[in-house]
Amino acid sequence: MTRYLFIYHAPMTPENAAPPTPEQTQEVMGRWMAWAEGVGEAMVDFGTPLAGGIQVTADGELPSVRDVAGYTLLEADDMDAALDLARNHPHLQMPGGCTIEVHEAQAVPGM
């Protein structure tokens, strides 16, 4: 099985969003956990929300210009199977036009 990295994009990072009510948190997390349960043993790392990104360059550091909200690492037979998992992800139902970027993790020679 190949590993795939899901990078979650949102118009607002979790740190900048209005805090959800406990009921909203329970509802959203219930959908995420149901999705993760469907992924099953193929889940490598459920991931976490991300905030406060810093872009490091050869010339120094800058605030991140990407709207990265989180990540997940999972295994799938191929890109089509990974895309099927992304198409049914609850992140796509979040307000504001959230998206998921899917990347195949490439093997590092000699490792």
Protein backbone atom coordinates (compact mmCIF):
# COMPACT_ATOMS: atom_id res chain seq x y z
CA MET A 1 0.00 0.00 0.00
CA THR A 2 1.12 3.52 -0.75
CA ARG A 3 0.94 6.37 1.75
CA TYR A 4 -0.98 9.54 0.93
CA LEU A 5 -0.88 12.87 2.70
CA PHE A 6 -4.12 14.80 2.92
CA ILE A 7 -3.51 18.52 3.44
CA TYR A 8 -6.62 20.35 4.57
CA HIS A 9 -7.14 23.90 3.34
CA ALA A 10 -9.65 26.30 4.82
CA PRO A 11 -10.31 30.00 4.36
CA MET A 12 -9.47 30.45 8.02
CA THR A 13 -7.09 28.48 10.23
CA PRO A 14 -8.60 26.91 13.37
CA GLU A 15 -6.83 29.49 15.56
CA ASN A 16 -8.59 32.35 13.69
CA ALA A 17 -12.06 30.82 13.53
CA ALA A 18 -14.81 31.61 16.00
CA PRO A 19 -14.79 28.98 18.75
CA PRO A 20 -17.51 26.39 18.15
CA THR A 21 -20.09 25.52 20.75
CA PRO A 22 -19.66 22.17 22.52
CA GLU A 23 -22.56 20.83 20.46
CA GLN A 24 -20.94 21.95 17.19
CA THR A 25 -17.64 20.40 18.24
CA GLN A 26 -19.35 17.11 19.07
CA GLU A 27 -21.21 17.07 15.73
CA VAL A 28 -18.14 17.88 13.62
CA MET A 29 -15.86 15.50 15.49
CA GLY A 30 -18.50 12.78 15.19
CA ARG A 31 -18.39 13.13 11.39
CA TRP A 32 -14.57 13.10 11.37
CA MET A 33 -14.43 10.03 13.63
CA ALA A 34 -16.99 8.20 11.47
CA TRP A 35 -14.86 8.96 8.40
CA ALA A 36 -11.71 7.75 10.21
CA GLU A 37 -13.51 4.57 11.26
CA GLY A 38 -14.36 3.96 7.60
CA VAL A 39 -10.68 4.34 6.69
CA GLY A 40 -9.91 1.71 9.31
CA GLU A 41 -6.42 0.22 9.54
CA ALA A 42 -5.28 2.26 6.53
CA MET A 43 -5.08 5.28 8.88
CA VAL A 44 -1.40 5.94 9.59
CA ASP A 45 -1.77 9.28 11.40
CA PHE A 46 -5.16 10.94 11.98
CA GLY A 47 -3.34 14.27 12.09
CA THR A 48 -4.24 17.45 13.88
CA PRO A 49 -5.32 21.02 13.20
CA LEU A 50 -2.41 23.31 12.35
CA ALA A 51 -1.85 26.96 13.19
CA GLY A 52 0.80 29.66 13.14
CA GLY A 53 2.79 28.41 10.15
CA ILE A 54 6.20 29.89 9.40
CA GLN A 55 7.76 29.59 5.96
CA VAL A 56 11.53 29.08 6.21
CA THR A 57 13.63 30.19 3.24
CA ALA A 58 17.36 30.52 2.62
CA ASP A 59 16.88 34.24 3.34
CA GLY A 60 14.99 33.87 6.62
CA GLU A 61 11.47 33.27 7.87
CA LEU A 62 8.12 34.64 6.74
CA PRO A 63 4.56 34.00 7.89
CA SER A 64 3.00 31.12 5.97
CA VAL A 65 0.96 32.29 3.01
CA ARG A 66 -0.96 29.03 2.71
CA ASP A 67 -4.32 28.36 4.28
CA VAL A 68 -3.25 25.00 5.72
CA ALA A 69 -5.67 23.88 8.42
CA GLY A 70 -4.43 20.34 9.13
CA TYR A 71 -3.30 17.01 7.73
CA THR A 72 -3.88 13.25 7.73
CA LEU A 73 -1.56 10.47 6.59
CA LEU A 74 -3.14 7.26 5.34
CA GLU A 75 -2.53 4.27 3.09
CA ALA A 76 -4.46 3.39 -0.06
CA ASP A 77 -3.99 1.02 -2.97
CA ASP A 78 -3.55 3.88 -5.44
CA MET A 79 -4.34 7.56 -6.04
CA ASP A 80 -7.90 6.75 -7.16
CA ALA A 81 -8.58 4.99 -3.85
CA ALA A 82 -7.07 7.91 -1.91
CA LEU A 83 -9.20 10.37 -3.89
CA ASP A 84 -12.31 8.32 -3.09
CA LEU A 85 -11.52 8.73 0.61
CA ALA A 86 -11.01 12.48 0.13
CA ARG A 87 -14.25 12.92 -1.83
CA ASN A 88 -16.24 11.61 1.15
CA HIS A 89 -14.34 13.57 3.80
CA PRO A 90 -16.34 15.77 6.22
CA HIS A 91 -13.77 18.58 5.82
CA LEU A 92 -15.37 19.33 2.43
CA GLN A 93 -18.64 20.14 4.23
CA MET A 94 -17.06 22.78 6.46
CA PRO A 95 -18.14 26.38 5.77
CA GLY A 96 -16.17 28.68 3.51
CA GLY A 97 -15.10 26.39 0.69
CA CYS A 98 -12.69 23.98 2.39
CA THR A 99 -10.57 21.74 0.16
CA ILE A 100 -8.24 18.76 0.48
CA GLU A 101 -4.94 18.42 -1.34
CA VAL A 102 -3.85 14.77 -1.82
CA HIS A 103 -0.18 13.88 -2.29
CA GLU A 104 1.43 10.49 -2.81
CA ALA A 105 4.33 9.95 -0.42
CA GLN A 106 7.32 8.90 -2.51
CA ALA A 107 9.86 6.37 -1.29
CA VAL A 108 13.24 7.83 -0.34
CA PRO A 109 16.03 5.87 -2.05
CA GLY A 110 18.15 3.95 0.43
CA MET A 111 15.71 4.35 3.32
